[in-house]
Amino acid sequence: MLIKKNIRSLFLILSIVAFTKVNAQRAPVYKIADLLKRIHNNSDTIYVVNFWATWCKPCVAELPEFEKIQEEFKNRKMKVLLVSMDFVEERDKKLKAFLKKNKYTCEVVLLDEVNGNDFINKISQKWSGAIPATLIVKSKWKDQFFEGKMTYEMLEKIIEE
């Protein structure tokens, strides 16, 4: 009986650890250098990088458009990356809860940069810092940047060009 109880306890502990590890991977923390290395990696993959936050209503409203584009282009070399601009301190409480509730399938990373002046121009000289904003990387030398809300039709046209 004691062995069964210990096995159950061990199983419970391992389950909690596994669950925590899986959820922690839902929004890894990136610095700007990590993000730039990831999207400008000389691959033939198109990166659709959306900058958003849980507190930004237009950002949240457009997230289903990115989910749809990812689903439609899943058999092509195209990757949607949702870059959260939420505060790192709110990652576990706010961001992960938001992602779990909405069941997004796009990859989400959290950008850990305090001073926008240090990273905004590294994304695009056109970016004022407002969100939502989307960067589309088709190759190392061809980026397209859009500030404001995107639709599926806009994304599809840009990707297909």
N, C-alpha and C. Protein backbone atom coordinates (compact mmCIF):
# COMPACT_ATOMS: atom_id res chain seq x y z
N MET A 1 0.82 -1.19 0.00
CA MET A 1 0.00 0.00 0.00
C MET A 1 0.87 1.25 0.00
N LEU A 2 1.93 1.24 0.81
CA LEU A 2 2.83 2.38 0.90
C LEU A 2 3.54 2.61 -0.43
N ILE A 3 3.90 1.53 -1.11
CA ILE A 3 4.58 1.64 -2.40
C ILE A 3 3.64 2.28 -3.42
N LYS A 4 2.37 1.85 -3.45
CA LYS A 4 1.40 2.43 -4.37
C LYS A 4 1.24 3.92 -4.13
N LYS A 5 1.18 4.31 -2.86
CA LYS A 5 1.01 5.71 -2.51
C LYS A 5 2.23 6.52 -2.97
N ASN A 6 3.43 5.98 -2.78
CA ASN A 6 4.65 6.65 -3.22
C ASN A 6 4.71 6.76 -4.74
N ILE A 7 4.29 5.72 -5.42
CA ILE A 7 4.27 5.74 -6.88
C ILE A 7 3.30 6.80 -7.38
N ARG A 8 2.13 6.87 -6.78
CA ARG A 8 1.15 7.90 -7.14
C ARG A 8 1.71 9.29 -6.91
N SER A 9 2.37 9.49 -5.79
CA SER A 9 2.97 10.79 -5.48
C SER A 9 4.04 11.15 -6.50
N LEU A 10 4.88 10.17 -6.83
CA LEU A 10 5.92 10.40 -7.82
C LEU A 10 5.31 10.74 -9.17
N PHE A 11 4.28 10.01 -9.57
CA PHE A 11 3.60 10.26 -10.83
C PHE A 11 3.01 11.67 -10.85
N LEU A 12 2.40 12.08 -9.75
CA LEU A 12 1.82 13.42 -9.66
C LEU A 12 2.89 14.49 -9.80
N ILE A 13 4.01 14.31 -9.13
CA ILE A 13 5.11 15.28 -9.20
C ILE A 13 5.66 15.35 -10.63
N LEU A 14 5.87 14.20 -11.26
CA LEU A 14 6.38 14.18 -12.63
C LEU A 14 5.39 14.83 -13.60
N SER A 15 4.10 14.61 -13.39
CA SER A 15 3.08 15.22 -14.23
C SER A 15 3.10 16.74 -14.11
N ILE A 16 3.23 17.23 -12.88
CA ILE A 16 3.28 18.67 -12.66
C ILE A 16 4.52 19.27 -13.32
N VAL A 17 5.65 18.62 -13.17
CA VAL A 17 6.89 19.10 -13.79
C VAL A 17 6.74 19.11 -15.31
N ALA A 18 6.21 18.04 -15.89
CA ALA A 18 6.04 17.96 -17.35
C ALA A 18 5.08 19.04 -17.83
N PHE A 19 3.97 19.25 -17.12
CA PHE A 19 2.99 20.26 -17.49
C PHE A 19 3.60 21.65 -17.44
N THR A 20 4.36 21.94 -16.41
CA THR A 20 5.01 23.23 -16.27
C THR A 20 6.01 23.44 -17.39
N LYS A 21 6.77 22.41 -17.73
CA LYS A 21 7.78 22.52 -18.78
C LYS A 21 7.12 22.79 -20.14
N VAL A 22 6.05 22.09 -20.45
CA VAL A 22 5.34 22.29 -21.71
C VAL A 22 4.80 23.71 -21.77
N ASN A 23 4.15 24.18 -20.72
CA ASN A 23 3.60 25.53 -20.73
C ASN A 23 4.68 26.59 -20.79
N ALA A 24 5.81 26.35 -20.16
CA ALA A 24 6.90 27.33 -20.18
C ALA A 24 7.41 27.50 -21.60
N GLN A 25 7.30 26.46 -22.42
CA GLN A 25 7.77 26.54 -23.80
C GLN A 25 6.78 27.27 -24.70
N ARG A 26 5.60 27.58 -24.21
CA ARG A 26 4.61 28.27 -25.04
C ARG A 26 4.98 29.72 -25.32
N ALA A 27 5.83 30.30 -24.55
CA ALA A 27 6.23 31.69 -24.78
C ALA A 27 7.66 31.91 -24.29
N PRO A 28 8.63 31.35 -25.02
CA PRO A 28 10.01 31.58 -24.59
C PRO A 28 10.36 33.06 -24.69
N VAL A 29 11.30 33.48 -23.89
CA VAL A 29 11.72 34.88 -23.86
C VAL A 29 12.89 35.08 -24.80
N TYR A 30 12.76 36.07 -25.67
CA TYR A 30 13.80 36.40 -26.64
C TYR A 30 14.31 37.81 -26.37
N LYS A 31 15.56 38.03 -26.65
CA LYS A 31 16.13 39.37 -26.77
C LYS A 31 16.09 39.70 -28.26
N ILE A 32 16.29 40.97 -28.61
CA ILE A 32 16.20 41.35 -30.02
C ILE A 32 17.23 40.60 -30.87
N ALA A 33 18.41 40.36 -30.34
CA ALA A 33 19.44 39.63 -31.10
C ALA A 33 18.97 38.21 -31.42
N ASP A 34 18.29 37.57 -30.47
CA ASP A 34 17.75 36.22 -30.69
C ASP A 34 16.72 36.22 -31.82
N LEU A 35 15.84 37.21 -31.78
CA LEU A 35 14.79 37.31 -32.78
C LEU A 35 15.38 37.55 -34.17
N LEU A 36 16.29 38.48 -34.28
CA LEU A 36 16.89 38.79 -35.57
C LEU A 36 17.66 37.60 -36.13
N LYS A 37 18.37 36.89 -35.27
CA LYS A 37 19.09 35.69 -35.70
C LYS A 37 18.11 34.64 -36.22
N ARG A 38 17.01 34.50 -35.55
CA ARG A 38 16.00 33.51 -35.92
C ARG A 38 15.38 33.80 -37.29
N ILE A 39 15.01 35.05 -37.52
CA ILE A 39 14.27 35.37 -38.75
C ILE A 39 15.17 35.69 -39.94
N HIS A 40 16.41 36.06 -39.68
CA HIS A 40 17.35 36.35 -40.77
C HIS A 40 18.42 35.26 -40.81
N ASN A 41 17.97 34.04 -41.01
CA ASN A 41 18.87 32.89 -40.93
C ASN A 41 19.27 32.32 -42.28
N ASN A 42 19.06 33.10 -43.35
CA ASN A 42 19.44 32.67 -44.71
C ASN A 42 18.69 31.44 -45.19
N SER A 43 17.54 31.15 -44.60
CA SER A 43 16.78 29.99 -45.06
C SER A 43 15.81 30.44 -46.16
N ASP A 44 15.16 29.48 -46.76
CA ASP A 44 14.17 29.81 -47.78
C ASP A 44 12.76 29.89 -47.19
N THR A 45 12.68 29.96 -45.88
CA THR A 45 11.39 30.08 -45.19
C THR A 45 10.98 31.55 -45.12
N ILE A 46 9.72 31.81 -45.44
CA ILE A 46 9.17 33.15 -45.27
C ILE A 46 8.73 33.27 -43.81
N TYR A 47 9.16 34.33 -43.15
CA TYR A 47 8.74 34.58 -41.77
C TYR A 47 7.74 35.72 -41.75
N VAL A 48 6.59 35.46 -41.14
CA VAL A 48 5.58 36.49 -40.88
C VAL A 48 5.66 36.74 -39.39
N VAL A 49 6.21 37.90 -39.02
CA VAL A 49 6.49 38.22 -37.63
C VAL A 49 5.56 39.35 -37.19
N ASN A 50 4.66 39.02 -36.29
CA ASN A 50 3.69 40.01 -35.82
C ASN A 50 4.04 40.45 -34.40
N PHE A 51 4.10 41.76 -34.21
CA PHE A 51 4.36 42.35 -32.89
C PHE A 51 3.02 42.77 -32.31
N TRP A 52 2.72 42.28 -31.12
CA TRP A 52 1.40 42.46 -30.51
C TRP A 52 1.53 42.42 -29.00
N ALA A 53 0.41 42.63 -28.31
CA ALA A 53 0.36 42.50 -26.85
C ALA A 53 -1.07 42.15 -26.44
N THR A 54 -1.19 41.49 -25.31
CA THR A 54 -2.52 41.09 -24.82
C THR A 54 -3.38 42.29 -24.47
N TRP A 55 -2.77 43.41 -24.14
CA TRP A 55 -3.51 44.61 -23.74
C TRP A 55 -3.90 45.50 -24.94
N CYS A 56 -3.50 45.11 -26.14
CA CYS A 56 -3.76 45.89 -27.37
C CYS A 56 -4.95 45.29 -28.11
N LYS A 57 -6.09 45.98 -28.07
CA LYS A 57 -7.31 45.44 -28.70
C LYS A 57 -7.16 45.18 -30.20
N PRO A 58 -6.61 46.11 -30.98
CA PRO A 58 -6.44 45.80 -32.41
C PRO A 58 -5.51 44.62 -32.65
N CYS A 59 -4.52 44.47 -31.79
CA CYS A 59 -3.59 43.33 -31.91
C CYS A 59 -4.33 42.02 -31.71
N VAL A 60 -5.08 41.95 -30.64
CA VAL A 60 -5.81 40.72 -30.30
C VAL A 60 -6.85 40.42 -31.38
N ALA A 61 -7.47 41.47 -31.93
CA ALA A 61 -8.48 41.28 -32.97
C ALA A 61 -7.90 40.67 -34.24
N GLU A 62 -6.63 40.95 -34.55
CA GLU A 62 -6.05 40.42 -35.78
C GLU A 62 -5.39 39.06 -35.62
N LEU A 63 -5.21 38.57 -34.42
CA LEU A 63 -4.54 37.28 -34.22
C LEU A 63 -5.19 36.13 -34.99
N PRO A 64 -6.52 36.06 -35.08
CA PRO A 64 -7.12 34.98 -35.88
C PRO A 64 -6.72 35.01 -37.35
N GLU A 65 -6.38 36.19 -37.87
CA GLU A 65 -5.92 36.30 -39.26
C GLU A 65 -4.58 35.58 -39.44
N PHE A 66 -3.72 35.71 -38.44
CA PHE A 66 -2.42 35.03 -38.49
C PHE A 66 -2.58 33.52 -38.32
N GLU A 67 -3.52 33.12 -37.48
CA GLU A 67 -3.82 31.69 -37.33
C GLU A 67 -4.30 31.12 -38.66
N LYS A 68 -5.16 31.85 -39.32
CA LYS A 68 -5.72 31.40 -40.60
C LYS A 68 -4.64 31.30 -41.67
N ILE A 69 -3.76 32.31 -41.74
CA ILE A 69 -2.71 32.29 -42.76
C ILE A 69 -1.73 31.15 -42.50
N GLN A 70 -1.45 30.89 -41.24
CA GLN A 70 -0.57 29.76 -40.92
C GLN A 70 -1.20 28.44 -41.36
N GLU A 71 -2.47 28.27 -41.11
CA GLU A 71 -3.17 27.05 -41.50
C GLU A 71 -3.20 26.89 -43.02
N GLU A 72 -3.49 27.97 -43.73
CA GLU A 72 -3.59 27.91 -45.19
C GLU A 72 -2.25 27.63 -45.86
N PHE A 73 -1.16 28.08 -45.25
CA PHE A 73 0.16 27.92 -45.84
C PHE A 73 1.00 26.87 -45.13
N LYS A 74 0.37 25.97 -44.40
CA LYS A 74 1.10 25.01 -43.59
C LYS A 74 1.97 24.06 -44.42
N ASN A 75 1.67 23.87 -45.67
CA ASN A 75 2.46 22.97 -46.51
C ASN A 75 3.52 23.70 -47.32
N ARG A 76 3.72 24.97 -47.01
CA ARG A 76 4.75 25.76 -47.69
C ARG A 76 5.79 26.19 -46.67
N LYS A 77 6.88 26.70 -47.15
CA LYS A 77 7.95 27.15 -46.25
C LYS A 77 7.62 28.56 -45.77
N MET A 78 6.70 28.61 -44.82
CA MET A 78 6.24 29.87 -44.25
C MET A 78 5.99 29.63 -42.77
N LYS A 79 6.45 30.56 -41.95
CA LYS A 79 6.33 30.42 -40.49
C LYS A 79 5.78 31.71 -39.91
N VAL A 80 4.72 31.60 -39.11
CA VAL A 80 4.19 32.75 -38.39
C VAL A 80 4.80 32.75 -37.00
N LEU A 81 5.30 33.90 -36.61
CA LEU A 81 5.90 34.07 -35.29
C LEU A 81 5.24 35.27 -34.63
N LEU A 82 4.51 35.03 -33.56
CA LEU A 82 3.83 36.10 -32.83
C LEU A 82 4.75 36.56 -31.71
N VAL A 83 5.19 37.81 -31.79
CA VAL A 83 6.13 38.36 -30.83
C VAL A 83 5.37 39.24 -29.85
N SER A 84 5.20 38.74 -28.65
CA SER A 84 4.46 39.47 -27.62
C SER A 84 5.32 40.59 -27.05
N MET A 85 4.68 41.74 -26.89
CA MET A 85 5.35 42.90 -26.31
C MET A 85 4.90 43.09 -24.86
N ASP A 86 4.24 42.08 -24.30
CA ASP A 86 3.83 42.14 -22.90
C ASP A 86 5.06 42.22 -22.00
N PHE A 87 4.84 42.64 -20.77
CA PHE A 87 5.95 42.70 -19.81
C PHE A 87 6.37 41.30 -19.40
N VAL A 88 7.67 41.08 -19.28
CA VAL A 88 8.19 39.77 -18.91
C VAL A 88 7.60 39.32 -17.57
N GLU A 89 7.42 40.26 -16.65
CA GLU A 89 6.88 39.91 -15.32
C GLU A 89 5.46 39.35 -15.41
N GLU A 90 4.75 39.62 -16.51
CA GLU A 90 3.37 39.16 -16.66
C GLU A 90 3.26 37.91 -17.54
N ARG A 91 4.39 37.36 -17.92
CA ARG A 91 4.39 36.21 -18.82
C ARG A 91 3.58 35.05 -18.26
N ASP A 92 3.92 34.62 -17.05
CA ASP A 92 3.26 33.45 -16.51
C ASP A 92 1.80 33.70 -16.18
N LYS A 93 1.51 34.84 -15.63
CA LYS A 93 0.14 35.11 -15.18
C LYS A 93 -0.78 35.54 -16.32
N LYS A 94 -0.35 36.48 -17.13
CA LYS A 94 -1.23 37.06 -18.13
C LYS A 94 -1.09 36.44 -19.52
N LEU A 95 0.13 36.39 -20.04
CA LEU A 95 0.34 35.92 -21.41
C LEU A 95 -0.02 34.45 -21.58
N LYS A 96 0.51 33.61 -20.72
CA LYS A 96 0.22 32.18 -20.84
C LYS A 96 -1.27 31.88 -20.65
N ALA A 97 -1.91 32.58 -19.74
CA ALA A 97 -3.35 32.39 -19.55
C ALA A 97 -4.12 32.78 -20.81
N PHE A 98 -3.70 33.88 -21.42
CA PHE A 98 -4.33 34.35 -22.66
C PHE A 98 -4.16 33.31 -23.77
N LEU A 99 -2.95 32.79 -23.91
CA LEU A 99 -2.68 31.80 -24.96
C LEU A 99 -3.46 30.50 -24.72
N LYS A 100 -3.50 30.08 -23.47
CA LYS A 100 -4.23 28.85 -23.13
C LYS A 100 -5.72 29.02 -23.40
N LYS A 101 -6.28 30.14 -23.00
CA LYS A 101 -7.70 30.40 -23.19
C LYS A 101 -8.08 30.42 -24.67
N ASN A 102 -7.23 31.02 -25.50
CA ASN A 102 -7.55 31.18 -26.91
C ASN A 102 -7.04 30.07 -27.81
N LYS A 103 -6.22 29.18 -27.26
CA LYS A 103 -5.73 27.99 -27.99
C LYS A 103 -5.07 28.32 -29.33
N TYR A 104 -4.20 29.34 -29.31
CA TYR A 104 -3.49 29.69 -30.52
C TYR A 104 -2.46 28.62 -30.86
N THR A 105 -2.30 28.36 -32.15
CA THR A 105 -1.35 27.36 -32.59
C THR A 105 -0.07 27.97 -33.15
N CYS A 106 -0.10 29.26 -33.49
CA CYS A 106 1.11 29.93 -33.96
C CYS A 106 2.15 29.96 -32.84
N GLU A 107 3.40 29.94 -33.23
CA GLU A 107 4.46 30.04 -32.23
C GLU A 107 4.47 31.45 -31.64
N VAL A 108 4.60 31.51 -30.33
CA VAL A 108 4.63 32.79 -29.62
C VAL A 108 5.93 32.91 -28.84
N VAL A 109 6.56 34.07 -28.96
CA VAL A 109 7.74 34.39 -28.15
C VAL A 109 7.48 35.73 -27.48
N LEU A 110 8.14 35.94 -26.38
CA LEU A 110 8.01 37.19 -25.64
C LEU A 110 9.29 37.99 -25.80
N LEU A 111 9.19 39.22 -26.31
CA LEU A 111 10.37 40.05 -26.50
C LEU A 111 10.69 40.77 -25.20
N ASP A 112 11.86 40.52 -24.69
CA ASP A 112 12.30 41.11 -23.42
C ASP A 112 13.26 42.27 -23.71
N GLU A 113 12.69 43.39 -24.05
CA GLU A 113 13.46 44.61 -24.29
C GLU A 113 12.72 45.76 -23.63
N VAL A 114 13.41 46.53 -22.83
CA VAL A 114 12.78 47.62 -22.08
C VAL A 114 12.74 48.90 -22.90
N ASN A 115 13.81 49.20 -23.60
CA ASN A 115 13.93 50.47 -24.31
C ASN A 115 13.68 50.26 -25.80
N GLY A 116 12.54 50.75 -26.28
CA GLY A 116 12.19 50.61 -27.69
C GLY A 116 13.22 51.21 -28.61
N ASN A 117 13.89 52.25 -28.17
CA ASN A 117 14.92 52.87 -29.00
C ASN A 117 16.06 51.93 -29.31
N ASP A 118 16.22 50.89 -28.51
CA ASP A 118 17.29 49.93 -28.72
C ASP A 118 16.94 48.85 -29.75
N PHE A 119 15.66 48.68 -30.05
CA PHE A 119 15.33 47.59 -30.97
C PHE A 119 14.41 47.95 -32.12
N ILE A 120 13.62 49.01 -32.01
CA ILE A 120 12.64 49.33 -33.05
C ILE A 120 13.29 49.50 -34.42
N ASN A 121 14.35 50.29 -34.52
CA ASN A 121 15.01 50.49 -35.81
C ASN A 121 15.72 49.26 -36.32
N LYS A 122 15.99 48.30 -35.45
CA LYS A 122 16.60 47.04 -35.89
C LYS A 122 15.56 46.18 -36.62
N ILE A 123 14.30 46.41 -36.32
CA ILE A 123 13.22 45.71 -37.01
C ILE A 123 12.93 46.40 -38.33
N SER A 124 12.70 47.73 -38.27
CA SER A 124 12.45 48.51 -39.48
C SER A 124 12.63 49.99 -39.19
N GLN A 125 13.24 50.68 -40.13
CA GLN A 125 13.38 52.14 -40.04
C GLN A 125 12.02 52.81 -40.15
N LYS A 126 11.04 52.10 -40.70
CA LYS A 126 9.68 52.64 -40.88
C LYS A 126 8.83 52.55 -39.61
N TRP A 127 9.28 51.79 -38.63
CA TRP A 127 8.45 51.50 -37.46
C TRP A 127 8.51 52.65 -36.45
N SER A 128 7.33 53.18 -36.11
CA SER A 128 7.25 54.23 -35.09
C SER A 128 7.28 53.64 -33.68
N GLY A 129 7.05 52.33 -33.59
CA GLY A 129 6.98 51.66 -32.29
C GLY A 129 5.56 51.26 -31.93
N ALA A 130 4.58 51.73 -32.72
CA ALA A 130 3.17 51.40 -32.47
C ALA A 130 2.92 49.93 -32.82
N ILE A 131 1.97 49.34 -32.11
CA ILE A 131 1.52 47.98 -32.43
C ILE A 131 0.02 48.02 -32.67
N PRO A 132 -0.50 47.10 -33.47
CA PRO A 132 0.18 45.97 -34.09
C PRO A 132 1.10 46.41 -35.22
N ALA A 133 2.09 45.59 -35.45
CA ALA A 133 3.04 45.79 -36.54
C ALA A 133 3.48 44.42 -37.03
N THR A 134 3.76 44.34 -38.32
CA THR A 134 4.11 43.04 -38.91
C THR A 134 5.31 43.20 -39.83
N LEU A 135 6.26 42.31 -39.65
CA LEU A 135 7.44 42.24 -40.50
C LEU A 135 7.36 40.93 -41.27
N ILE A 136 7.53 41.02 -42.59
CA ILE A 136 7.55 39.81 -43.41
C ILE A 136 8.94 39.70 -44.02
N VAL A 137 9.60 38.60 -43.71
CA VAL A 137 10.97 38.37 -44.16
C VAL A 137 10.93 37.27 -45.21
N LYS A 138 11.24 37.66 -46.45
CA LYS A 138 11.24 36.69 -47.54
C LYS A 138 12.64 36.19 -47.85
N SER A 139 13.62 36.98 -47.53
CA SER A 139 15.02 36.58 -47.69
C SER A 139 15.84 37.52 -46.84
N LYS A 140 17.13 37.26 -46.78
CA LYS A 140 18.00 38.11 -45.96
C LYS A 140 17.94 39.57 -46.41
N TRP A 141 17.68 39.81 -47.68
CA TRP A 141 17.72 41.17 -48.20
C TRP A 141 16.35 41.75 -48.50
N LYS A 142 15.29 40.99 -48.31
CA LYS A 142 13.96 41.50 -48.67
C LYS A 142 13.00 41.38 -47.50
N ASP A 143 12.84 42.49 -46.78
CA ASP A 143 11.88 42.58 -45.69
C ASP A 143 10.78 43.56 -46.10
N GLN A 144 9.58 43.27 -45.65
CA GLN A 144 8.47 44.21 -45.83
C GLN A 144 7.89 44.47 -44.45
N PHE A 145 7.64 45.74 -44.14
CA PHE A 145 7.14 46.10 -42.83
C PHE A 145 5.82 46.84 -42.96
N PHE A 146 4.89 46.51 -42.05
CA PHE A 146 3.57 47.12 -42.05
C PHE A 146 3.18 47.48 -40.63
N GLU A 147 2.84 48.74 -40.42
CA GLU A 147 2.37 49.17 -39.11
C GLU A 147 0.85 49.27 -39.19
N GLY A 148 0.16 48.68 -38.24
CA GLY A 148 -1.29 48.68 -38.24
C GLY A 148 -1.84 47.27 -38.41
N LYS A 149 -3.14 47.20 -38.37
CA LYS A 149 -3.85 45.93 -38.41
C LYS A 149 -3.78 45.28 -39.79
N MET A 150 -3.56 43.97 -39.80
CA MET A 150 -3.47 43.20 -41.04
C MET A 150 -4.70 42.30 -41.17
N THR A 151 -5.05 42.00 -42.42
CA THR A 151 -6.12 41.05 -42.69
C THR A 151 -5.53 39.82 -43.37
N TYR A 152 -6.29 38.77 -43.42
CA TYR A 152 -5.85 37.56 -44.10
C TYR A 152 -5.54 37.87 -45.56
N GLU A 153 -6.41 38.63 -46.21
CA GLU A 153 -6.23 38.95 -47.62
C GLU A 153 -4.93 39.73 -47.86
N MET A 154 -4.63 40.66 -46.99
CA MET A 154 -3.38 41.43 -47.11
C MET A 154 -2.18 40.49 -46.97
N LEU A 155 -2.21 39.64 -45.95
CA LEU A 155 -1.12 38.71 -45.71
C LEU A 155 -0.93 37.75 -46.88
N GLU A 156 -2.04 37.23 -47.37
CA GLU A 156 -1.98 36.27 -48.48
C GLU A 156 -1.35 36.92 -49.71
N LYS A 157 -1.75 38.14 -50.02
CA LYS A 157 -1.22 38.84 -51.20
C LYS A 157 0.29 39.06 -51.07
N ILE A 158 0.73 39.48 -49.90
CA ILE A 158 2.16 39.74 -49.67
C ILE A 158 2.98 38.46 -49.77
N ILE A 159 2.48 37.39 -49.19
CA ILE A 159 3.19 36.11 -49.23
C ILE A 159 3.27 35.56 -50.64
N GLU A 160 2.19 35.72 -51.40
CA GLU A 160 2.14 35.17 -52.76
C GLU A 160 2.98 35.96 -53.75
N GLU A 161 3.27 37.23 -53.47
CA GLU A 161 4.05 38.06 -54.41
C GLU A 161 5.42 37.49 -54.65
